[in-house]
Amino acid sequence: MNALKTASPGTKAALLYITIGALLMVWTAVWYAYLRNSEDTGRGSYYVCAGLFISGLILTGIGLAVGRIGQSAREADQTTAAIVPTTAGAPPAAIVSTTPGPNPTTTTNRTDAARPTMPHTA
């Protein structure tokens, strides 16, 4: 039970969606079995039963997707690390990012970047 107290909100939401979706599908299957064995049911009951079952499937799918998205986001957050100095006289720490993108210390390769700008006279 301690794992739920320390779980992220995304994990809790995923568990909630999966649990509600699974229970909805199980009880809809029980209701469908009842409808099949009962003689005095209308066609509308089957539509409601099918709609509830599909809703359970969708909730379960949303729960699985939220869990997967949350896991990917957690991994992405953990890939950025900071280098912390160990002594008081050490230089300031550099932030190291492992995300892809342009390196801010490199110069541009454009040909017009090195050209001086000329004042325009009209």
PDB file of N, CA and C in Angstrom:
ATOM      1  N   MET A   1       0.813  -1.186   0.000  1.00  0.00           N
ATOM      2  CA  MET A   1       0.000   0.000   0.000  1.00  0.00           C
ATOM      3  C   MET A   1       0.862   1.258   0.000  1.00  0.00           C
ATOM      4  N   ASN A   2       2.093   1.155   0.497  1.00  0.00           N
ATOM      5  CA  ASN A   2       2.994   2.301   0.513  1.00  0.00           C
ATOM      6  C   ASN A   2       3.374   2.730  -0.894  1.00  0.00           C
ATOM      7  N   ALA A   3       3.348   1.827  -1.860  1.00  0.00           N
ATOM      8  CA  ALA A   3       3.708   2.161  -3.237  1.00  0.00           C
ATOM      9  C   ALA A   3       2.719   3.162  -3.837  1.00  0.00           C
ATOM     10  N   LEU A   4       1.455   3.092  -3.473  1.00  0.00           N
ATOM     11  CA  LEU A   4       0.474   4.042  -3.997  1.00  0.00           C
ATOM     12  C   LEU A   4       0.646   5.437  -3.406  1.00  0.00           C
ATOM     13  N   LYS A   5       1.165   5.528  -2.194  1.00  0.00           N
ATOM     14  CA  LYS A   5       1.382   6.838  -1.582  1.00  0.00           C
ATOM     15  C   LYS A   5       2.529   7.575  -2.249  1.00  0.00           C
ATOM     16  N   THR A   6       3.532   6.857  -2.724  1.00  0.00           N
ATOM     17  CA  THR A   6       4.684   7.488  -3.351  1.00  0.00           C
ATOM     18  C   THR A   6       4.578   7.525  -4.872  1.00  0.00           C
ATOM     19  N   ALA A   7       3.505   6.985  -5.434  1.00  0.00           N
ATOM     20  CA  ALA A   7       3.351   6.950  -6.888  1.00  0.00           C
ATOM     21  C   ALA A   7       3.016   8.334  -7.428  1.00  0.00           C
ATOM     22  N   SER A   8       3.403   8.561  -8.666  1.00  0.00           N
ATOM     23  CA  SER A   8       3.116   9.842  -9.309  1.00  0.00           C
ATOM     24  C   SER A   8       1.633   9.941  -9.650  1.00  0.00           C
ATOM     25  N   PRO A   9       1.125  11.140  -9.878  1.00  0.00           N
ATOM     26  CA  PRO A   9      -0.288  11.297 -10.238  1.00  0.00           C
ATOM     27  C   PRO A   9      -0.644  10.569 -11.537  1.00  0.00           C
ATOM     28  N   GLY A  10       0.283  10.524 -12.480  1.00  0.00           N
ATOM     29  CA  GLY A  10       0.034   9.811 -13.732  1.00  0.00           C
ATOM     30  C   GLY A  10      -0.141   8.318 -13.506  1.00  0.00           C
ATOM     31  N   THR A  11       0.651   7.760 -12.608  1.00  0.00           N
ATOM     32  CA  THR A  11       0.536   6.337 -12.284  1.00  0.00           C
ATOM     33  C   THR A  11      -0.792   6.047 -11.609  1.00  0.00           C
ATOM     34  N   LYS A  12      -1.186   6.920 -10.705  1.00  0.00           N
ATOM     35  CA  LYS A  12      -2.477   6.728 -10.025  1.00  0.00           C
ATOM     36  C   LYS A  12      -3.632   6.813 -11.015  1.00  0.00           C
ATOM     37  N   ALA A  13      -3.556   7.755 -11.943  1.00  0.00           N
ATOM     38  CA  ALA A  13      -4.609   7.889 -12.954  1.00  0.00           C
ATOM     39  C   ALA A  13      -4.658   6.656 -13.853  1.00  0.00           C
ATOM     40  N   ALA A  14      -3.500   6.157 -14.245  1.00  0.00           N
ATOM     41  CA  ALA A  14      -3.453   4.967 -15.097  1.00  0.00           C
ATOM     42  C   ALA A  14      -4.072   3.773 -14.380  1.00  0.00           C
ATOM     43  N   LEU A  15      -3.733   3.585 -13.111  1.00  0.00           N
ATOM     44  CA  LEU A  15      -4.317   2.474 -12.346  1.00  0.00           C
ATOM     45  C   LEU A  15      -5.822   2.627 -12.204  1.00  0.00           C
ATOM     46  N   LEU A  16      -6.285   3.848 -12.004  1.00  0.00           N
ATOM     47  CA  LEU A  16      -7.718   4.092 -11.869  1.00  0.00           C
ATOM     48  C   LEU A  16      -8.452   3.761 -13.169  1.00  0.00           C
ATOM     49  N   TYR A  17      -7.938   4.246 -14.305  1.00  0.00           N
ATOM     50  CA  TYR A  17      -8.561   3.964 -15.597  1.00  0.00           C
ATOM     51  C   TYR A  17      -8.577   2.465 -15.896  1.00  0.00           C
ATOM     52  N   ILE A  18      -7.470   1.801 -15.668  1.00  0.00           N
ATOM     53  CA  ILE A  18      -7.398   0.368 -15.961  1.00  0.00           C
ATOM     54  C   ILE A  18      -8.351  -0.406 -15.065  1.00  0.00           C
ATOM     55  N   THR A  19      -8.411  -0.059 -13.781  1.00  0.00           N
ATOM     56  CA  THR A  19      -9.289  -0.777 -12.848  1.00  0.00           C
ATOM     57  C   THR A  19     -10.757  -0.571 -13.195  1.00  0.00           C
ATOM     58  N   ILE A  20     -11.157   0.666 -13.437  1.00  0.00           N
ATOM     59  CA  ILE A  20     -12.562   0.929 -13.778  1.00  0.00           C
ATOM     60  C   ILE A  20     -12.923   0.266 -15.098  1.00  0.00           C
ATOM     61  N   GLY A  21     -12.022   0.350 -16.085  1.00  0.00           N
ATOM     62  CA  GLY A  21     -12.291  -0.278 -17.376  1.00  0.00           C
ATOM     63  C   GLY A  21     -12.422  -1.788 -17.284  1.00  0.00           C
ATOM     64  N   ALA A  22     -11.549  -2.416 -16.516  1.00  0.00           N
ATOM     65  CA  ALA A  22     -11.605  -3.879 -16.375  1.00  0.00           C
ATOM     66  C   ALA A  22     -12.869  -4.308 -15.637  1.00  0.00           C
ATOM     67  N   LEU A  23     -13.210  -3.607 -14.561  1.00  0.00           N
ATOM     68  CA  LEU A  23     -14.440  -3.955 -13.834  1.00  0.00           C
ATOM     69  C   LEU A  23     -15.678  -3.737 -14.693  1.00  0.00           C
ATOM     70  N   LEU A  24     -15.686  -2.681 -15.473  1.00  0.00           N
ATOM     71  CA  LEU A  24     -16.812  -2.412 -16.367  1.00  0.00           C
ATOM     72  C   LEU A  24     -16.966  -3.529 -17.396  1.00  0.00           C
ATOM     73  N   MET A  25     -15.860  -3.999 -17.944  1.00  0.00           N
ATOM     74  CA  MET A  25     -15.934  -5.092 -18.922  1.00  0.00           C
ATOM     75  C   MET A  25     -16.417  -6.398 -18.284  1.00  0.00           C
ATOM     76  N   VAL A  26     -15.938  -6.694 -17.081  1.00  0.00           N
ATOM     77  CA  VAL A  26     -16.342  -7.939 -16.410  1.00  0.00           C
ATOM     78  C   VAL A  26     -17.838  -7.920 -16.103  1.00  0.00           C
ATOM     79  N   TRP A  27     -18.321  -6.826 -15.497  1.00  0.00           N
ATOM     80  CA  TRP A  27     -19.736  -6.798 -15.135  1.00  0.00           C
ATOM     81  C   TRP A  27     -20.644  -6.674 -16.356  1.00  0.00           C
ATOM     82  N   THR A  28     -20.145  -6.085 -17.439  1.00  0.00           N
ATOM     83  CA  THR A  28     -20.916  -6.061 -18.674  1.00  0.00           C
ATOM     84  C   THR A  28     -21.024  -7.455 -19.267  1.00  0.00           C
ATOM     85  N   ALA A  29     -19.948  -8.237 -19.163  1.00  0.00           N
ATOM     86  CA  ALA A  29     -19.996  -9.626 -19.641  1.00  0.00           C
ATOM     87  C   ALA A  29     -20.993 -10.445 -18.825  1.00  0.00           C
ATOM     88  N   VAL A  30     -21.045 -10.204 -17.520  1.00  0.00           N
ATOM     89  CA  VAL A  30     -22.032 -10.901 -16.677  1.00  0.00           C
ATOM     90  C   VAL A  30     -23.443 -10.491 -17.083  1.00  0.00           C
ATOM     91  N   TRP A  31     -23.645  -9.206 -17.324  1.00  0.00           N
ATOM     92  CA  TRP A  31     -24.966  -8.740 -17.735  1.00  0.00           C
ATOM     93  C   TRP A  31     -25.347  -9.308 -19.094  1.00  0.00           C
ATOM     94  N   TYR A  32     -24.385  -9.419 -20.017  1.00  0.00           N
ATOM     95  CA  TYR A  32     -24.655  -9.998 -21.333  1.00  0.00           C
ATOM     96  C   TYR A  32     -25.084 -11.467 -21.198  1.00  0.00           C
ATOM     97  N   ALA A  33     -24.415 -12.191 -20.320  1.00  0.00           N
ATOM     98  CA  ALA A  33     -24.801 -13.588 -20.092  1.00  0.00           C
ATOM     99  C   ALA A  33     -26.232 -13.661 -19.556  1.00  0.00           C
ATOM    100  N   TYR A  34     -26.584 -12.749 -18.671  1.00  0.00           N
ATOM    101  CA  TYR A  34     -27.953 -12.701 -18.158  1.00  0.00           C
ATOM    102  C   TYR A  34     -28.941 -12.394 -19.284  1.00  0.00           C
ATOM    103  N   LEU A  35     -28.594 -11.407 -20.134  1.00  0.00           N
ATOM    104  CA  LEU A  35     -29.490 -11.049 -21.225  1.00  0.00           C
ATOM    105  C   LEU A  35     -29.692 -12.218 -22.189  1.00  0.00           C
ATOM    106  N   ARG A  36     -28.648 -12.967 -22.448  1.00  0.00           N
ATOM    107  CA  ARG A  36     -28.756 -14.105 -23.365  1.00  0.00           C
ATOM    108  C   ARG A  36     -29.642 -15.210 -22.792  1.00  0.00           C
ATOM    109  N   ASN A  37     -29.640 -15.371 -21.479  1.00  0.00           N
ATOM    110  CA  ASN A  37     -30.433 -16.428 -20.845  1.00  0.00           C
ATOM    111  C   ASN A  37     -31.833 -15.964 -20.471  1.00  0.00           C
ATOM    112  N   SER A  38     -32.100 -14.678 -20.544  1.00  0.00           N
ATOM    113  CA  SER A  38     -33.411 -14.149 -20.204  1.00  0.00           C
ATOM    114  C   SER A  38     -34.258 -14.058 -21.465  1.00  0.00           C
ATOM    115  N   GLU A  39     -35.545 -14.324 -21.320  1.00  0.00           N
ATOM    116  CA  GLU A  39     -36.425 -14.330 -22.490  1.00  0.00           C
ATOM    117  C   GLU A  39     -37.137 -13.002 -22.713  1.00  0.00           C
ATOM    118  N   ASP A  40     -37.231 -12.186 -21.714  1.00  0.00           N
ATOM    119  CA  ASP A  40     -38.029 -10.959 -21.843  1.00  0.00           C
ATOM    120  C   ASP A  40     -37.155  -9.701 -21.905  1.00  0.00           C
ATOM    121  N   THR A  41     -36.145  -9.705 -22.744  1.00  0.00           N
ATOM    122  CA  THR A  41     -35.297  -8.523 -22.901  1.00  0.00           C
ATOM    123  C   THR A  41     -35.494  -7.939 -24.294  1.00  0.00           C
ATOM    124  N   GLY A  42     -35.428  -6.629 -24.356  1.00  0.00           N
ATOM    125  CA  GLY A  42     -35.563  -5.942 -25.636  1.00  0.00           C
ATOM    126  C   GLY A  42     -34.214  -5.732 -26.293  1.00  0.00           C
ATOM    127  N   ARG A  43     -34.258  -5.225 -27.511  1.00  0.00           N
ATOM    128  CA  ARG A  43     -33.019  -5.001 -28.243  1.00  0.00           C
ATOM    129  C   ARG A  43     -32.215  -3.849 -27.650  1.00  0.00           C
ATOM    130  N   GLY A  44     -32.875  -2.895 -27.026  1.00  0.00           N
ATOM    131  CA  GLY A  44     -32.189  -1.747 -26.433  1.00  0.00           C
ATOM    132  C   GLY A  44     -31.220  -2.147 -25.333  1.00  0.00           C
ATOM    133  N   SER A  45     -31.552  -3.189 -24.608  1.00  0.00           N
ATOM    134  CA  SER A  45     -30.662  -3.656 -23.537  1.00  0.00           C
ATOM    135  C   SER A  45     -29.330  -4.135 -24.106  1.00  0.00           C
ATOM    136  N   TYR A  46     -29.368  -4.757 -25.274  1.00  0.00           N
ATOM    137  CA  TYR A  46     -28.131  -5.232 -25.900  1.00  0.00           C
ATOM    138  C   TYR A  46     -27.254  -4.060 -26.351  1.00  0.00           C
ATOM    139  N   TYR A  47     -27.892  -2.991 -26.835  1.00  0.00           N
ATOM    140  CA  TYR A  47     -27.121  -1.813 -27.239  1.00  0.00           C
ATOM    141  C   TYR A  47     -26.433  -1.162 -26.035  1.00  0.00           C
ATOM    142  N   VAL A  48     -27.157  -1.047 -24.933  1.00  0.00           N
ATOM    143  CA  VAL A  48     -26.570  -0.471 -23.725  1.00  0.00           C
ATOM    144  C   VAL A  48     -25.442  -1.367 -23.221  1.00  0.00           C
ATOM    145  N   CYS A  49     -25.646  -2.664 -23.260  1.00  0.00           N
ATOM    146  CA  CYS A  49     -24.629  -3.616 -22.822  1.00  0.00           C
ATOM    147  C   CYS A  49     -23.369  -3.492 -23.688  1.00  0.00           C
ATOM    148  N   ALA A  50     -23.549  -3.435 -24.999  1.00  0.00           N
ATOM    149  CA  ALA A  50     -22.404  -3.299 -25.907  1.00  0.00           C
ATOM    150  C   ALA A  50     -21.699  -1.964 -25.687  1.00  0.00           C
ATOM    151  N   GLY A  51     -22.453  -0.895 -25.481  1.00  0.00           N
ATOM    152  CA  GLY A  51     -21.854   0.417 -25.237  1.00  0.00           C
ATOM    153  C   GLY A  51     -21.031   0.447 -23.963  1.00  0.00           C
ATOM    154  N   LEU A  52     -21.531  -0.190 -22.914  1.00  0.00           N
ATOM    155  CA  LEU A  52     -20.769  -0.241 -21.662  1.00  0.00           C
ATOM    156  C   LEU A  52     -19.498  -1.065 -21.812  1.00  0.00           C
ATOM    157  N   PHE A  53     -19.575  -2.153 -22.568  1.00  0.00           N
ATOM    158  CA  PHE A  53     -18.385  -2.984 -22.771  1.00  0.00           C
ATOM    159  C   PHE A  53     -17.325  -2.214 -23.555  1.00  0.00           C
ATOM    160  N   ILE A  54     -17.750  -1.519 -24.602  1.00  0.00           N
ATOM    161  CA  ILE A  54     -16.794  -0.728 -25.396  1.00  0.00           C
ATOM    162  C   ILE A  54     -16.223   0.410 -24.559  1.00  0.00           C
ATOM    163  N   SER A  55     -17.036   0.996 -23.689  1.00  0.00           N
ATOM    164  CA  SER A  55     -16.527   2.041 -22.787  1.00  0.00           C
ATOM    165  C   SER A  55     -15.457   1.477 -21.860  1.00  0.00           C
ATOM    166  N   GLY A  56     -15.652   0.262 -21.379  1.00  0.00           N
ATOM    167  CA  GLY A  56     -14.638  -0.392 -20.546  1.00  0.00           C
ATOM    168  C   GLY A  56     -13.352  -0.625 -21.309  1.00  0.00           C
ATOM    169  N   LEU A  57     -13.485  -1.038 -22.576  1.00  0.00           N
ATOM    170  CA  LEU A  57     -12.288  -1.223 -23.406  1.00  0.00           C
ATOM    171  C   LEU A  57     -11.542   0.089 -23.592  1.00  0.00           C
ATOM    172  N   ILE A  58     -12.284   1.155 -23.843  1.00  0.00           N
ATOM    173  CA  ILE A  58     -11.663   2.466 -24.059  1.00  0.00           C
ATOM    174  C   ILE A  58     -10.978   2.958 -22.787  1.00  0.00           C
ATOM    175  N   LEU A  59     -11.629   2.803 -21.643  1.00  0.00           N
ATOM    176  CA  LEU A  59     -11.004   3.228 -20.385  1.00  0.00           C
ATOM    177  C   LEU A  59      -9.726   2.442 -20.106  1.00  0.00           C
ATOM    178  N   THR A  60      -9.741   1.150 -20.393  1.00  0.00           N
ATOM    179  CA  THR A  60      -8.537   0.342 -20.208  1.00  0.00           C
ATOM    180  C   THR A  60      -7.432   0.810 -21.156  1.00  0.00           C
ATOM    181  N   GLY A  61      -7.787   1.109 -22.392  1.00  0.00           N
ATOM    182  CA  GLY A  61      -6.795   1.613 -23.349  1.00  0.00           C
ATOM    183  C   GLY A  61      -6.221   2.953 -22.927  1.00  0.00           C
ATOM    184  N   ILE A  62      -7.079   3.840 -22.413  1.00  0.00           N
ATOM    185  CA  ILE A  62      -6.600   5.130 -21.929  1.00  0.00           C
ATOM    186  C   ILE A  62      -5.644   4.930 -20.753  1.00  0.00           C
ATOM    187  N   GLY A  63      -5.977   4.029 -19.861  1.00  0.00           N
ATOM    188  CA  GLY A  63      -5.104   3.752 -18.712  1.00  0.00           C
ATOM    189  C   GLY A  63      -3.748   3.231 -19.152  1.00  0.00           C
ATOM    190  N   LEU A  64      -3.745   2.338 -20.130  1.00  0.00           N
ATOM    191  CA  LEU A  64      -2.468   1.817 -20.625  1.00  0.00           C
ATOM    192  C   LEU A  64      -1.661   2.918 -21.314  1.00  0.00           C
ATOM    193  N   ALA A  65      -2.340   3.780 -22.061  1.00  0.00           N
ATOM    194  CA  ALA A  65      -1.642   4.877 -22.746  1.00  0.00           C
ATOM    195  C   ALA A  65      -1.100   5.894 -21.754  1.00  0.00           C
ATOM    196  N   VAL A  66      -1.883   6.241 -20.730  1.00  0.00           N
ATOM    197  CA  VAL A  66      -1.421   7.200 -19.719  1.00  0.00           C
ATOM    198  C   VAL A  66      -0.215   6.637 -18.981  1.00  0.00           C
ATOM    199  N   GLY A  67      -0.246   5.356 -18.679  1.00  0.00           N
ATOM    200  CA  GLY A  67       0.898   4.728 -18.015  1.00  0.00           C
ATOM    201  C   GLY A  67       2.141   4.759 -18.867  1.00  0.00           C
ATOM    202  N   ARG A  68       1.995   4.487 -20.149  1.00  0.00           N
ATOM    203  CA  ARG A  68       3.137   4.493 -21.070  1.00  0.00           C
ATOM    204  C   ARG A  68       3.679   5.917 -21.265  1.00  0.00           C
ATOM    205  N   ILE A  69       2.785   6.885 -21.400  1.00  0.00           N
ATOM    206  CA  ILE A  69       3.212   8.278 -21.559  1.00  0.00           C
ATOM    207  C   ILE A  69       3.925   8.755 -20.296  1.00  0.00           C
ATOM    208  N   GLY A  70       3.391   8.408 -19.138  1.00  0.00           N
ATOM    209  CA  GLY A  70       4.021   8.800 -17.876  1.00  0.00           C
ATOM    210  C   GLY A  70       5.399   8.179 -17.707  1.00  0.00           C
ATOM    211  N   GLN A  71       5.540   6.935 -18.132  1.00  0.00           N
ATOM    212  CA  GLN A  71       6.832   6.268 -18.044  1.00  0.00           C
ATOM    213  C   GLN A  71       7.845   6.943 -18.969  1.00  0.00           C
ATOM    214  N   SER A  72       7.431   7.276 -20.168  1.00  0.00           N
ATOM    215  CA  SER A  72       8.328   7.956 -21.109  1.00  0.00           C
ATOM    216  C   SER A  72       8.716   9.340 -20.597  1.00  0.00           C
ATOM    217  N   ALA A  73       7.775  10.052 -20.007  1.00  0.00           N
ATOM    218  CA  ALA A  73       8.068  11.383 -19.476  1.00  0.00           C
ATOM    219  C   ALA A  73       9.042  11.292 -18.307  1.00  0.00           C
ATOM    220  N   ARG A  74       8.884  10.283 -17.467  1.00  0.00           N
ATOM    221  CA  ARG A  74       9.795  10.121 -16.338  1.00  0.00           C
ATOM    222  C   ARG A  74      11.207   9.827 -16.831  1.00  0.00           C
ATOM    223  N   GLU A  75      11.334   8.977 -17.859  1.00  0.00           N
ATOM    224  CA  GLU A  75      12.650   8.680 -18.418  1.00  0.00           C
ATOM    225  C   GLU A  75      13.267   9.919 -19.046  1.00  0.00           C
ATOM    226  N   ALA A  76      12.460  10.745 -19.704  1.00  0.00           N
ATOM    227  CA  ALA A  76      12.973  11.967 -20.318  1.00  0.00           C
ATOM    228  C   ALA A  76      13.434  12.962 -19.259  1.00  0.00           C
ATOM    229  N   ASP A  77      12.736  13.039 -18.149  1.00  0.00           N
ATOM    230  CA  ASP A  77      13.131  13.951 -17.080  1.00  0.00           C
ATOM    231  C   ASP A  77      14.438  13.519 -16.429  1.00  0.00           C
ATOM    232  N   GLN A  78      14.707  12.226 -16.396  1.00  0.00           N
ATOM    233  CA  GLN A  78      15.901  11.722 -15.737  1.00  0.00           C
ATOM    234  C   GLN A  78      17.142  11.798 -16.616  1.00  0.00           C
ATOM    235  N   THR A  79      17.001  12.116 -17.911  1.00  0.00           N
ATOM    236  CA  THR A  79      18.169  12.165 -18.778  1.00  0.00           C
ATOM    237  C   THR A  79      18.921  13.481 -18.677  1.00  0.00           C
ATOM    238  N   THR A  80      18.345  14.485 -18.068  1.00  0.00           N
ATOM    239  CA  THR A  80      19.035  15.752 -17.878  1.00  0.00           C
ATOM    240  C   THR A  80      19.655  15.746 -16.492  1.00  0.00           C
ATOM    241  N   ALA A  81      20.976  15.915 -16.438  1.00  0.00           N
ATOM    242  CA  ALA A  81      21.673  15.858 -15.151  1.00  0.00           C
ATOM    243  C   ALA A  81      22.546  17.092 -15.005  1.00  0.00           C
ATOM    244  N   ALA A  82      22.831  17.450 -13.783  1.00  0.00           N
ATOM    245  CA  ALA A  82      23.716  18.584 -13.508  1.00  0.00           C
ATOM    246  C   ALA A  82      24.981  18.072 -12.845  1.00  0.00           C
ATOM    247  N   ILE A  83      26.121  18.668 -13.211  1.00  0.00           N
ATOM    248  CA  ILE A  83      27.387  18.331 -12.587  1.00  0.00           C
ATOM    249  C   ILE A  83      27.565  19.280 -11.417  1.00  0.00           C
ATOM    250  N   VAL A  84      27.658  18.744 -10.230  1.00  0.00           N
ATOM    251  CA  VAL A  84      27.728  19.551  -9.020  1.00  0.00           C
ATOM    252  C   VAL A  84      29.163  19.539  -8.513  1.00  0.00           C
ATOM    253  N   PRO A  85      29.753  20.718  -8.197  1.00  0.00           N
ATOM    254  CA  PRO A  85      31.123  20.730  -7.681  1.00  0.00           C
ATOM    255  C   PRO A  85      31.190  20.084  -6.304  1.00  0.00           C
ATOM    256  N   THR A  86      32.323  19.466  -6.027  1.00  0.00           N
ATOM    257  CA  THR A  86      32.467  18.764  -4.753  1.00  0.00           C
ATOM    258  C   THR A  86      33.160  19.606  -3.693  1.00  0.00           C
ATOM    259  N   THR A  87      33.899  20.635  -4.101  1.00  0.00           N
ATOM    260  CA  THR A  87      34.596  21.476  -3.123  1.00  0.00           C
ATOM    261  C   THR A  87      34.068  22.902  -3.210  1.00  0.00           C
ATOM    262  N   ALA A  88      34.341  23.669  -2.167  1.00  0.00           N
ATOM    263  CA  ALA A  88      33.837  25.036  -2.106  1.00  0.00           C
ATOM    264  C   ALA A  88      34.528  25.940  -3.124  1.00  0.00           C
ATOM    265  N   GLY A  89      35.799  25.677  -3.466  1.00  0.00           N
ATOM    266  CA  GLY A  89      36.537  26.534  -4.382  1.00  0.00           C
ATOM    267  C   GLY A  89      36.429  26.097  -5.829  1.00  0.00           C
ATOM    268  N   ALA A  90      35.618  25.135  -6.131  1.00  0.00           N
ATOM    269  CA  ALA A  90      35.505  24.616  -7.494  1.00  0.00           C
ATOM    270  C   ALA A  90      34.732  25.607  -8.363  1.00  0.00           C
ATOM    271  N   PRO A  91      34.980  25.566  -9.681  1.00  0.00           N
ATOM    272  CA  PRO A  91      34.226  26.450 -10.582  1.00  0.00           C
ATOM    273  C   PRO A  91      32.744  26.085 -10.594  1.00  0.00           C
ATOM    274  N   PRO A  92      31.897  26.976 -11.086  1.00  0.00           N
ATOM    275  CA  PRO A  92      30.460  26.686 -11.111  1.00  0.00           C
ATOM    276  C   PRO A  92      30.163  25.445 -11.942  1.00  0.00           C
ATOM    277  N   ALA A  93      29.094  24.791 -11.584  1.00  0.00           N
ATOM    278  CA  ALA A  93      28.716  23.558 -12.256  1.00  0.00           C
ATOM    279  C   ALA A  93      28.190  23.846 -13.654  1.00  0.00           C
ATOM    280  N   ALA A  94      28.448  22.922 -14.548  1.00  0.00           N
ATOM    281  CA  ALA A  94      27.930  23.017 -15.911  1.00  0.00           C
ATOM    282  C   ALA A  94      26.723  22.105 -16.033  1.00  0.00           C
ATOM    283  N   ILE A  95      25.697  22.566 -16.695  1.00  0.00           N
ATOM    284  CA  ILE A  95      24.508  21.742 -16.896  1.00  0.00           C
ATOM    285  C   ILE A  95      24.697  20.970 -18.186  1.00  0.00           C
ATOM    286  N   VAL A  96      24.545  19.656 -18.071  1.00  0.00           N
ATOM    287  CA  VAL A  96      24.714  18.786 -19.224  1.00  0.00           C
ATOM    288  C   VAL A  96      23.348  18.278 -19.624  1.00  0.00           C
ATOM    289  N   SER A  97      22.972  18.485 -20.864  1.00  0.00           N
ATOM    290  CA  SER A  97      21.685  18.014 -21.364  1.00  0.00           C
ATOM    291  C   SER A  97      21.935  16.938 -22.398  1.00  0.00           C
ATOM    292  N   THR A  98      21.202  15.854 -22.291  1.00  0.00           N
ATOM    293  CA  THR A  98      21.346  14.766 -23.249  1.00  0.00           C
ATOM    294  C   THR A  98      20.281  14.814 -24.321  1.00  0.00           C
ATOM    295  N   THR A  99      19.482  15.867 -24.344  1.00  0.00           N
ATOM    296  CA  THR A  99      18.459  15.985 -25.374  1.00  0.00           C
ATOM    297  C   THR A  99      19.085  16.457 -26.671  1.00  0.00           C
ATOM    298  N   PRO A 100      18.594  15.965 -27.811  1.00  0.00           N
ATOM    299  CA  PRO A 100      19.178  16.386 -29.080  1.00  0.00           C
ATOM    300  C   PRO A 100      18.843  17.835 -29.387  1.00  0.00           C
ATOM    301  N   GLY A 101      19.739  18.485 -30.080  1.00  0.00           N
ATOM    302  CA  GLY A 101      19.514  19.862 -30.455  1.00  0.00           C
ATOM    303  C   GLY A 101      20.826  20.514 -30.805  1.00  0.00           C
ATOM    304  N   PRO A 102      20.791  21.772 -31.214  1.00  0.00           N
ATOM    305  CA  PRO A 102      22.027  22.446 -31.604  1.00  0.00           C
ATOM    306  C   PRO A 102      22.911  22.701 -30.398  1.00  0.00           C
ATOM    307  N   ASN A 103      24.200  22.642 -30.620  1.00  0.00           N
ATOM    308  CA  ASN A 103      25.161  22.912 -29.571  1.00  0.00           C
ATOM    309  C   ASN A 103      25.351  24.417 -29.492  1.00  0.00           C
ATOM    310  N   PRO A 104      25.114  25.042 -28.356  1.00  0.00           N
ATOM    311  CA  PRO A 104      25.193  26.501 -28.288  1.00  0.00           C
ATOM    312  C   PRO A 104      26.606  27.042 -28.428  1.00  0.00           C
ATOM    313  N   THR A 105      27.646  26.217 -28.299  1.00  0.00           N
ATOM    314  CA  THR A 105      29.013  26.722 -28.383  1.00  0.00           C
ATOM    315  C   THR A 105      29.564  26.677 -29.796  1.00  0.00           C
ATOM    316  N   THR A 106      28.892  26.045 -30.720  1.00  0.00           N
ATOM    317  CA  THR A 106      29.396  25.969 -32.090  1.00  0.00           C
ATOM    318  C   THR A 106      28.968  27.201 -32.865  1.00  0.00           C
ATOM    319  N   THR A 107      29.754  27.522 -33.900  1.00  0.00           N
ATOM    320  CA  THR A 107      29.400  28.653 -34.747  1.00  0.00           C
ATOM    321  C   THR A 107      28.518  28.172 -35.868  1.00  0.00           C
ATOM    322  N   THR A 108      27.848  29.100 -36.458  1.00  0.00           N
ATOM    323  CA  THR A 108      26.940  28.749 -37.537  1.00  0.00           C
ATOM    324  C   THR A 108      27.718  28.508 -38.822  1.00  0.00           C
ATOM    325  N   ASN A 109      27.193  27.671 -39.688  1.00  0.00           N
ATOM    326  CA  ASN A 109      27.851  27.335 -40.939  1.00  0.00           C
ATOM    327  C   ASN A 109      27.282  28.121 -42.111  1.00  0.00           C
ATOM    328  N   ARG A 110      26.420  29.059 -41.842  1.00  0.00           N
ATOM    329  CA  ARG A 110      25.833  29.822 -42.943  1.00  0.00           C
ATOM    330  C   ARG A 110      26.881  30.728 -43.560  1.00  0.00           C
ATOM    331  N   THR A 111      26.814  30.925 -44.863  1.00  0.00           N
ATOM    332  CA  THR A 111      27.796  31.769 -45.545  1.00  0.00           C
ATOM    333  C   THR A 111      27.538  33.242 -45.306  1.00  0.00           C
ATOM    334  N   ASP A 112      26.319  33.629 -45.048  1.00  0.00           N
ATOM    335  CA  ASP A 112      26.033  35.040 -44.841  1.00  0.00           C
ATOM    336  C   ASP A 112      26.305  35.498 -43.413  1.00  0.00           C
ATOM    337  N   ALA A 113      26.664  34.599 -42.526  1.00  0.00           N
ATOM    338  CA  ALA A 113      26.906  34.974 -41.140  1.00  0.00           C
ATOM    339  C   ALA A 113      28.222  35.739 -40.998  1.00  0.00           C
ATOM    340  N   ALA A 114      29.212  35.457 -41.859  1.00  0.00           N
ATOM    341  CA  ALA A 114      30.507  36.100 -41.744  1.00  0.00           C
ATOM    342  C   ALA A 114      30.567  37.416 -42.513  1.00  0.00           C
ATOM    343  N   ARG A 115      29.597  37.701 -43.352  1.00  0.00           N
ATOM    344  CA  ARG A 115      29.602  38.923 -44.145  1.00  0.00           C
ATOM    345  C   ARG A 115      29.307  40.129 -43.278  1.00  0.00           C
ATOM    346  N   PRO A 116      30.066  41.183 -43.481  1.00  0.00           N
ATOM    347  CA  PRO A 116      29.740  42.404 -42.720  1.00  0.00           C
ATOM    348  C   PRO A 116      28.478  43.046 -43.298  1.00  0.00           C
ATOM    349  N   THR A 117      27.776  43.705 -42.452  1.00  0.00           N
ATOM    350  CA  THR A 117      26.565  44.379 -42.917  1.00  0.00           C
ATOM    351  C   THR A 117      26.912  45.743 -43.477  1.00  0.00           C
ATOM    352  N   MET A 118      26.319  46.074 -44.566  1.00  0.00           N
ATOM    353  CA  MET A 118      26.568  47.349 -45.233  1.00  0.00           C
ATOM    354  C   MET A 118      25.373  48.259 -44.984  1.00  0.00           C
ATOM    355  N   PRO A 119      25.610  49.527 -44.701  1.00  0.00           N
ATOM    356  CA  PRO A 119      24.475  50.439 -44.514  1.00  0.00           C
ATOM    357  C   PRO A 119      23.786  50.677 -45.846  1.00  0.00           C
ATOM    358  N   HIS A 120      22.516  50.723 -45.775  1.00  0.00           N
ATOM    359  CA  HIS A 120      21.712  50.945 -46.986  1.00  0.00           C
ATOM    360  C   HIS A 120      21.501  52.444 -47.190  1.00  0.00           C
ATOM    361  N   THR A 121      21.794  52.882 -48.370  1.00  0.00           N
ATOM    362  CA  THR A 121      21.553  54.286 -48.695  1.00  0.00           C
ATOM    363  C   THR A 121      20.471  54.365 -49.758  1.00  0.00           C
ATOM    364  N   ALA A 122      19.567  55.247 -49.564  1.00  0.00           N
ATOM    365  CA  ALA A 122      18.468  55.336 -50.527  1.00  0.00           C
ATOM    366  C   ALA A 122      18.470  56.634 -51.273  1.00  0.00           C
TER     367      ALA A 122
END
